[in-house]
Amino acid sequence: MTVTFISNYINHHQIPFSNACYELLGEEYHFIQTQPMEQERLSMGWSREGETLPYVLFLYENEEFCRKLIMESDVLLAGWSGREDLVEERLNGGKLTIRISERLYREGQWKMISPRGLFHKYKEHTRYRKKPAYLLCAGAYVASDFHLIHAYPGKMFKWGYFPEVRHYEKDELRKMKLSDGQIHIVWAGRFIPLKHPEYMVMLAKSLKGKTEFHIHMAGGGEMEEELKRLSREYDVEKQITFYGFQRPEEVRSIMEKCQIHIFTSNHLEGWGAVVNEAMNSGCAVVANVQAGAVPYLIKHRENGMIYPEGSYEKMEEAIWFLLKNPEEMERMGKNAYETITRLWNAPYAAGELLRMIKELKEGSFTPPKEGPLSPAEVTAPGRMYQMVNK
């Protein structure tokens, strides 16, 4: 079985999944990179080491061979590539194609009323609704967006990103958590408005004098100087460490030492792979329901805490619950680790995907009841918090 994945470039979020596919398929698996990685990503600590992997090919170096591979593979996994013409050629040939997509209307579903946009979506998606074309939804709100344009009826499944999964011996993670009498809280990402890093400085101001804590901020960006200015103004400089941009493995090292991870991104966050990483690190995650990964990965008060629609007050309320209930904090961290190591990881996803392909080629696919490739519910963004907070 030949499987080819086409996307703009390979990165540390995709490498574990591709490695798992390569382990199962060997030389029958290929990843086609359509463009070099941007300098912005490289400056954030992202690496180009994935480009040296044996299954990676470069469209811009050998387009003829890559085009042939795209057309002749048993299945094409189509991420965002900037080369829709290649995917369209395959779909027009009636060949099995599985798209992987984040949201269409991240800024608001009202945008679907654009006639030009609807024509574009029809050309790219809706007209293939009866073809062997399927959609893997990289985020909890993707299915709702595609449902609006009547695409992929009954053929949308849960998906996401699968960063490296680390396995620990029993109690190893618990022993790695800092035990200096403080609760250690980690936040990781770019310092930009959609990710709301300012919530962490506000939180430090609120917690100071009421409990012992330390906040670890891994990242950088346009808001960095403003955040540092606020930390001085609120007199919480000693309670916050700003690390700057770190390599992914260095961020994981910080997470392993912390008990709580806070994820404050809003509706513009398609997925949010740091949630996977923090859960794998045994953190009790407090996360905004608006981000794509959150409703898929977190069950409220079972393996983390979910707060609604960007509410700082509800976020702080969830954190206080964990601070006042350390046994619950530890339990959620353990459950979070199990969620990632049991279900939301690259080897499991790759195995289920190959099972899906095999069953589709034989006639029909029976999806799992949970995790990657389980049916993606069509749920409007505004109703998600009520569903996950039952």
Protein backbone atom coordinates (compact mmCIF):
# COMPACT_ATOMS: atom_id res chain seq x y z
CA MET A 1 0.00 0.00 0.00
CA THR A 2 1.51 3.31 -1.09
CA VAL A 3 0.62 6.35 1.04
CA THR A 4 1.76 9.87 0.16
CA PHE A 5 1.33 12.92 2.38
CA ILE A 6 1.58 16.34 0.73
CA SER A 7 1.96 19.51 2.82
CA ASN A 8 3.81 22.81 2.80
CA TYR A 9 6.71 21.51 4.91
CA ILE A 10 7.49 18.85 7.46
CA ASN A 11 7.84 20.04 11.06
CA HIS A 12 8.22 18.64 14.56
CA HIS A 13 4.43 18.27 14.91
CA GLN A 14 4.23 16.03 11.81
CA ILE A 15 7.46 14.04 12.11
CA PRO A 16 6.24 11.55 14.77
CA PHE A 17 3.17 10.68 12.67
CA SER A 18 5.25 10.33 9.51
CA ASN A 19 7.82 8.22 11.36
CA ALA A 20 5.02 5.93 12.55
CA CYS A 21 3.70 5.58 8.99
CA TYR A 22 7.20 4.87 7.71
CA GLU A 23 7.68 2.22 10.38
CA LEU A 24 4.49 0.50 9.21
CA LEU A 25 4.92 0.98 5.45
CA GLY A 26 8.64 1.37 4.86
CA GLU A 27 9.45 2.72 1.41
CA GLU A 28 5.75 2.78 0.54
CA TYR A 29 5.34 5.96 2.61
CA HIS A 30 6.33 9.40 1.28
CA PHE A 31 6.04 12.98 2.49
CA ILE A 32 6.12 15.66 -0.20
CA GLN A 33 7.21 19.11 0.98
CA THR A 34 6.03 21.86 -1.35
CA GLN A 35 7.99 24.84 0.00
CA PRO A 36 10.97 25.62 2.26
CA MET A 37 10.23 26.44 5.91
CA GLU A 38 9.82 30.15 6.62
CA GLN A 39 12.53 32.04 8.46
CA GLU A 40 9.97 33.09 11.11
CA ARG A 41 9.50 29.45 12.15
CA LEU A 42 13.24 28.83 12.18
CA SER A 43 13.76 31.85 14.46
CA MET A 44 11.22 30.35 16.89
CA GLY A 45 13.41 27.29 17.38
CA TRP A 46 11.82 25.05 14.74
CA SER A 47 14.29 22.72 13.04
CA ARG A 48 14.79 21.62 9.44
CA GLU A 49 16.10 18.24 10.52
CA GLY A 50 12.92 16.60 9.20
CA GLU A 51 14.07 17.40 5.67
CA THR A 52 16.81 14.78 6.02
CA LEU A 53 14.40 11.91 6.72
CA PRO A 54 14.44 9.14 4.09
CA TYR A 55 10.77 9.48 3.12
CA VAL A 56 10.80 13.27 2.54
CA LEU A 57 10.71 14.52 -1.06
CA PHE A 58 10.76 18.10 -2.34
CA LEU A 59 8.24 19.17 -4.95
CA TYR A 60 10.33 22.21 -5.88
CA GLU A 61 13.31 19.97 -6.68
CA ASN A 62 11.61 17.20 -8.65
CA GLU A 63 8.05 18.13 -9.54
CA GLU A 64 7.65 15.54 -12.28
CA PHE A 65 8.44 12.60 -9.99
CA CYS A 66 6.31 14.01 -7.15
CA ARG A 67 3.34 14.61 -9.44
CA LYS A 68 3.55 11.01 -10.65
CA LEU A 69 3.68 9.76 -7.07
CA ILE A 70 0.65 11.87 -6.11
CA MET A 71 -1.41 10.37 -8.93
CA GLU A 72 -0.29 6.76 -8.54
CA SER A 73 -0.30 6.28 -4.76
CA ASP A 74 -3.07 4.16 -3.26
CA VAL A 75 -4.05 7.12 -1.09
CA LEU A 76 -3.08 10.77 -0.85
CA LEU A 77 -3.11 12.57 2.50
CA ALA A 78 -3.60 16.20 1.56
CA GLY A 79 -2.70 18.89 4.06
CA TRP A 80 -2.36 22.57 3.18
CA SER A 81 0.26 22.68 0.44
CA GLY A 82 -0.35 25.74 -1.69
CA ARG A 83 -0.63 23.35 -4.66
CA GLU A 84 -4.32 22.60 -4.86
CA ASP A 85 -3.91 21.85 -8.58
CA LEU A 86 -2.14 18.60 -7.71
CA VAL A 87 -4.86 17.49 -5.29
CA GLU A 88 -7.58 18.48 -7.78
CA GLU A 89 -5.99 16.39 -10.51
CA ARG A 90 -6.16 13.32 -8.28
CA LEU A 91 -9.72 13.98 -7.13
CA ASN A 92 -10.88 14.43 -10.71
CA GLY A 93 -9.42 11.00 -11.40
CA GLY A 94 -11.69 9.51 -8.70
CA LYS A 95 -8.78 8.32 -6.57
CA LEU A 96 -8.94 7.89 -2.80
CA THR A 97 -7.96 11.18 -1.18
CA ILE A 98 -8.01 12.06 2.51
CA ARG A 99 -7.79 15.73 3.34
CA ILE A 100 -6.40 17.00 6.63
CA SER A 101 -7.68 20.45 7.48
CA GLU A 102 -8.02 23.05 10.18
CA ARG A 103 -10.97 25.47 10.19
CA LEU A 104 -12.34 27.21 7.10
CA TYR A 105 -13.95 30.09 9.04
CA ARG A 106 -11.64 30.64 11.98
CA GLU A 107 -12.57 34.33 12.17
CA GLY A 108 -16.31 33.62 12.16
CA GLN A 109 -18.77 31.43 10.25
CA TRP A 110 -20.53 34.55 8.96
CA LYS A 111 -17.72 34.69 6.38
CA MET A 112 -19.33 31.84 4.46
CA ILE A 113 -21.83 34.29 2.93
CA SER A 114 -19.18 35.52 0.49
CA PRO A 115 -20.21 34.33 -3.01
CA ARG A 116 -16.60 34.26 -4.16
CA GLY A 117 -15.59 32.25 -1.10
CA LEU A 118 -18.46 29.78 -1.56
CA PHE A 119 -17.50 29.23 -5.20
CA HIS A 120 -13.91 28.57 -4.15
CA LYS A 121 -15.03 26.11 -1.43
CA TYR A 122 -17.37 24.38 -3.89
CA LYS A 123 -14.56 23.97 -6.40
CA GLU A 124 -12.12 22.67 -3.77
CA HIS A 125 -14.43 20.56 -1.59
CA THR A 126 -18.19 20.39 -2.12
CA ARG A 127 -18.21 19.10 -5.70
CA TYR A 128 -16.35 15.98 -4.52
CA ARG A 129 -18.93 15.09 -1.86
CA LYS A 130 -19.82 11.84 -3.69
CA LYS A 131 -16.25 11.01 -4.63
CA PRO A 132 -13.87 8.84 -2.53
CA ALA A 133 -12.82 11.97 -0.64
CA TYR A 134 -12.70 12.11 3.17
CA LEU A 135 -11.86 14.76 5.75
CA LEU A 136 -9.73 14.49 8.88
CA CYS A 137 -10.70 17.38 11.13
CA ALA A 138 -7.67 18.92 12.85
CA GLY A 139 -9.73 20.67 15.50
CA ALA A 140 -13.13 20.40 17.14
CA TYR A 141 -14.78 23.13 15.03
CA VAL A 142 -13.65 21.96 11.60
CA ALA A 143 -16.64 19.67 10.98
CA SER A 144 -19.06 22.53 11.68
CA ASP A 145 -17.37 24.73 9.08
CA PHE A 146 -17.39 22.05 6.38
CA HIS A 147 -20.98 21.09 7.21
CA LEU A 148 -22.00 24.64 6.31
CA ILE A 149 -20.75 24.15 2.75
CA HIS A 150 -22.29 20.65 2.49
CA ALA A 151 -18.95 18.92 2.04
CA TYR A 152 -17.87 15.41 3.13
CA PRO A 153 -21.30 14.26 4.43
CA GLY A 154 -20.79 11.32 6.80
CA LYS A 155 -17.09 11.34 5.94
CA MET A 156 -15.58 13.64 8.59
CA PHE A 157 -13.39 12.22 11.37
CA LYS A 158 -11.48 13.52 14.36
CA TRP A 159 -7.80 14.23 13.83
CA GLY A 160 -5.13 16.60 15.11
CA TYR A 161 -1.40 17.01 15.51
CA PHE A 162 0.74 14.39 17.18
CA PRO A 163 3.96 15.74 18.72
CA GLU A 164 6.55 13.37 20.11
CA VAL A 165 5.18 11.22 22.95
CA ARG A 166 7.42 10.47 25.89
CA HIS A 167 6.89 7.44 28.10
CA TYR A 168 7.84 7.48 31.77
CA GLU A 169 8.22 4.80 34.41
CA LYS A 170 5.64 4.66 37.19
CA ASP A 171 5.90 7.74 39.44
CA GLU A 172 8.79 9.11 37.33
CA LEU A 173 6.83 12.17 36.22
CA ARG A 174 5.62 12.88 39.73
CA LYS A 175 9.21 12.89 40.95
CA MET A 176 10.22 15.27 38.15
CA LYS A 177 7.76 17.94 39.33
CA LEU A 178 9.44 20.68 41.35
CA SER A 179 8.73 20.23 45.06
CA ASP A 180 10.00 23.43 46.62
CA GLY A 181 6.75 24.39 48.31
CA GLN A 182 5.48 26.30 45.28
CA ILE A 183 3.04 25.36 42.52
CA HIS A 184 4.79 25.74 39.18
CA ILE A 185 2.69 26.95 36.26
CA VAL A 186 3.85 26.86 32.64
CA TRP A 187 2.65 28.80 29.59
CA ALA A 188 4.24 28.23 26.16
CA GLY A 189 3.79 29.91 22.79
CA ARG A 190 4.22 33.09 20.82
CA PHE A 191 3.55 36.34 22.63
CA ILE A 192 0.80 37.55 20.30
CA PRO A 193 -2.75 38.80 21.00
CA LEU A 194 -4.64 35.67 19.95
CA LYS A 195 -2.73 33.62 22.56
CA HIS A 196 -3.40 36.06 25.45
CA PRO A 197 -0.06 35.77 27.28
CA GLU A 198 -1.07 38.85 29.31
CA TYR A 199 -3.41 36.58 31.28
CA MET A 200 -0.35 35.12 32.99
CA VAL A 201 0.83 38.49 34.29
CA MET A 202 -2.71 39.24 35.46
CA LEU A 203 -2.79 35.85 37.18
CA ALA A 204 0.52 36.49 38.93
CA LYS A 205 -0.85 39.77 40.28
CA SER A 206 -3.97 38.01 41.56
CA LEU A 207 -2.14 35.07 43.17
CA LYS A 208 0.65 37.06 44.79
CA GLY A 209 0.38 37.07 48.56
CA LYS A 210 -2.33 34.39 48.57
CA THR A 211 -0.36 31.28 47.63
CA GLU A 212 3.16 30.19 46.73
CA PHE A 213 3.66 29.86 42.97
CA HIS A 214 5.96 30.50 40.04
CA ILE A 215 5.01 31.08 36.40
CA HIS A 216 7.27 29.87 33.59
CA MET A 217 6.79 31.69 30.27
CA ALA A 218 8.42 29.91 27.31
CA GLY A 219 8.21 31.94 24.12
CA GLY A 220 8.58 35.39 22.66
CA GLY A 221 7.07 37.78 20.18
CA GLU A 222 5.59 41.21 19.66
CA MET A 223 4.09 41.48 23.16
CA GLU A 224 7.25 40.56 25.06
CA GLU A 225 8.30 44.04 26.15
CA GLU A 226 4.74 44.92 27.17
CA LEU A 227 4.51 41.77 29.29
CA LYS A 228 7.77 42.54 31.04
CA ARG A 229 6.63 46.12 31.62
CA LEU A 230 3.38 44.84 33.14
CA SER A 231 5.25 42.41 35.38
CA ARG A 232 7.28 45.34 36.75
CA GLU A 233 4.16 47.50 37.15
CA TYR A 234 2.35 44.70 39.02
CA ASP A 235 5.48 43.91 41.06
CA VAL A 236 5.52 40.24 40.04
CA GLU A 237 8.92 40.08 38.33
CA LYS A 238 10.18 37.53 40.86
CA GLN A 239 7.14 35.33 40.29
CA ILE A 240 7.62 35.03 36.50
CA THR A 241 10.52 33.65 34.46
CA PHE A 242 10.68 34.70 30.79
CA TYR A 243 12.73 32.12 28.86
CA GLY A 244 12.44 33.49 25.33
CA PHE A 245 11.96 31.12 22.41
CA GLN A 246 13.09 27.60 23.24
CA ARG A 247 13.58 24.47 21.18
CA PRO A 248 10.64 22.02 21.50
CA GLU A 249 12.64 19.63 23.70
CA GLU A 250 13.56 22.49 26.05
CA VAL A 251 9.90 23.48 26.39
CA ARG A 252 9.08 19.89 27.27
CA SER A 253 11.75 19.94 29.97
CA ILE A 254 10.04 22.96 31.54
CA MET A 255 6.63 21.26 31.35
CA GLU A 256 7.93 18.14 33.08
CA LYS A 257 8.83 20.26 36.11
CA CYS A 258 5.46 22.02 36.36
CA GLN A 259 2.17 20.90 37.84
CA ILE A 260 -0.17 23.14 35.82
CA HIS A 261 -0.16 24.21 32.18
CA ILE A 262 -2.37 27.11 31.08
CA PHE A 263 -3.51 27.42 27.47
CA THR A 264 -5.16 30.76 26.78
CA SER A 265 -5.41 30.87 22.96
CA ASN A 266 -8.69 32.07 21.48
CA HIS A 267 -10.77 30.94 18.49
CA LEU A 268 -7.97 31.80 16.05
CA GLU A 269 -5.92 28.83 17.34
CA GLY A 270 -6.57 25.99 14.90
CA TRP A 271 -5.16 23.24 17.12
CA GLY A 272 -2.57 23.97 19.83
CA ALA A 273 0.04 21.19 20.00
CA VAL A 274 1.42 22.47 23.31
CA VAL A 275 -1.72 21.00 24.90
CA ASN A 276 -0.66 17.52 23.72
CA GLU A 277 2.84 18.13 25.06
CA ALA A 278 1.69 19.45 28.42
CA MET A 279 -0.71 16.54 28.93
CA ASN A 280 2.05 14.09 28.00
CA SER A 281 4.18 15.85 30.63
CA GLY A 282 1.63 15.08 33.33
CA CYS A 283 0.38 18.65 33.74
CA ALA A 284 -3.15 19.47 34.79
CA VAL A 285 -4.16 21.67 31.84
CA VAL A 286 -6.46 24.67 32.15
CA ALA A 287 -7.55 25.58 28.62
CA ASN A 288 -9.85 27.84 26.63
CA VAL A 289 -12.59 25.85 24.90
CA GLN A 290 -12.25 28.01 21.77
CA ALA A 291 -8.96 26.41 20.67
CA GLY A 292 -9.33 23.45 18.32
CA ALA A 293 -7.45 20.81 20.33
CA VAL A 294 -9.21 21.40 23.62
CA PRO A 295 -12.61 19.68 23.18
CA TYR A 296 -10.93 16.68 21.51
CA LEU A 297 -8.23 16.16 24.11
CA ILE A 298 -9.72 17.33 27.40
CA LYS A 299 -12.69 16.01 29.35
CA HIS A 300 -13.60 18.65 31.91
CA ARG A 301 -12.52 17.74 35.45
CA GLU A 302 -11.36 14.30 34.29
CA ASN A 303 -8.04 15.03 32.60
CA GLY A 304 -8.01 18.83 32.73
CA MET A 305 -10.12 21.95 33.14
CA ILE A 306 -11.94 23.82 30.36
CA TYR A 307 -13.09 27.40 30.66
CA PRO A 308 -15.50 29.24 28.32
CA GLU A 309 -15.00 31.69 25.48
CA GLY A 310 -11.85 33.45 26.62
CA SER A 311 -13.12 34.35 30.10
CA TYR A 312 -10.15 35.36 32.29
CA GLU A 313 -12.35 35.14 35.39
CA LYS A 314 -13.39 31.54 34.65
CA MET A 315 -9.77 30.65 33.89
CA GLU A 316 -8.67 31.97 37.27
CA GLU A 317 -11.54 30.16 38.96
CA ALA A 318 -10.35 26.86 37.44
CA ILE A 319 -6.79 27.50 38.61
CA TRP A 320 -7.95 28.22 42.14
CA PHE A 321 -9.86 24.93 42.11
CA LEU A 322 -6.61 23.09 41.32
CA LEU A 323 -4.60 25.06 43.88
CA LYS A 324 -7.12 24.27 46.61
CA ASN A 325 -7.43 20.62 45.56
CA PRO A 326 -3.90 19.30 44.97
CA GLU A 327 -5.10 15.70 44.88
CA GLU A 328 -7.42 16.61 41.99
CA MET A 329 -4.58 18.43 40.25
CA GLU A 330 -2.40 15.32 40.47
CA ARG A 331 -5.23 13.03 39.35
CA MET A 332 -5.96 15.16 36.28
CA GLY A 333 -2.27 15.24 35.40
CA LYS A 334 -2.11 11.43 35.54
CA ASN A 335 -5.26 11.11 33.43
CA ALA A 336 -3.89 13.63 30.94
CA TYR A 337 -0.75 11.54 30.51
CA GLU A 338 -2.85 8.42 29.93
CA THR A 339 -5.00 10.20 27.32
CA ILE A 340 -1.95 10.99 25.23
CA THR A 341 -0.10 7.70 25.67
CA ARG A 342 -3.21 5.59 25.07
CA LEU A 343 -5.08 7.45 22.32
CA TRP A 344 -3.80 10.77 21.03
CA ASN A 345 -0.40 9.76 19.75
CA ALA A 346 1.27 9.15 16.40
CA PRO A 347 1.59 5.32 16.46
CA TYR A 348 -2.07 4.88 17.40
CA ALA A 349 -3.23 7.42 14.80
CA ALA A 350 -1.07 5.89 12.06
CA GLY A 351 -2.36 2.40 12.82
CA GLU A 352 -5.99 3.54 12.76
CA LEU A 353 -5.43 5.48 9.55
CA LEU A 354 -3.99 2.46 7.76
CA ARG A 355 -6.92 0.38 9.04
CA MET A 356 -9.28 3.02 7.66
CA ILE A 357 -7.59 2.94 4.25
CA LYS A 358 -7.66 -0.87 4.12
CA GLU A 359 -11.34 -1.01 5.08
CA LEU A 360 -12.30 1.73 2.62
CA LYS A 361 -10.61 -0.15 -0.18
CA GLU A 362 -12.56 -3.25 0.87
CA GLY A 363 -15.87 -1.39 0.97
CA SER A 364 -16.60 0.40 4.27
CA PHE A 365 -14.89 1.78 7.35
CA THR A 366 -15.93 1.15 10.97
CA PRO A 367 -14.56 4.09 12.98
CA PRO A 368 -13.38 3.76 16.59
CA LYS A 369 -15.63 5.13 19.34
CA GLU A 370 -13.09 7.66 20.62
CA GLY A 371 -9.84 9.34 19.72
CA PRO A 372 -8.36 9.86 16.24
CA LEU A 373 -10.65 8.77 13.39
CA SER A 374 -13.76 8.57 15.55
CA PRO A 375 -16.67 10.49 13.96
CA ALA A 376 -16.31 14.27 14.13
CA GLU A 377 -19.39 15.88 15.64
CA VAL A 378 -20.89 18.87 13.85
CA THR A 379 -21.02 21.35 16.71
CA ALA A 380 -21.22 25.12 16.36
CA PRO A 381 -18.41 26.90 18.26
CA GLY A 382 -20.84 28.73 20.56
CA ARG A 383 -22.33 25.47 21.89
CA MET A 384 -19.13 23.56 22.58
CA TYR A 385 -18.61 24.71 26.19
CA GLN A 386 -22.10 23.59 27.18
CA MET A 387 -21.40 20.16 25.68
CA VAL A 388 -18.01 19.55 27.29
CA ASN A 389 -19.09 21.02 30.66
CA LYS A 390 -22.08 18.73 31.20
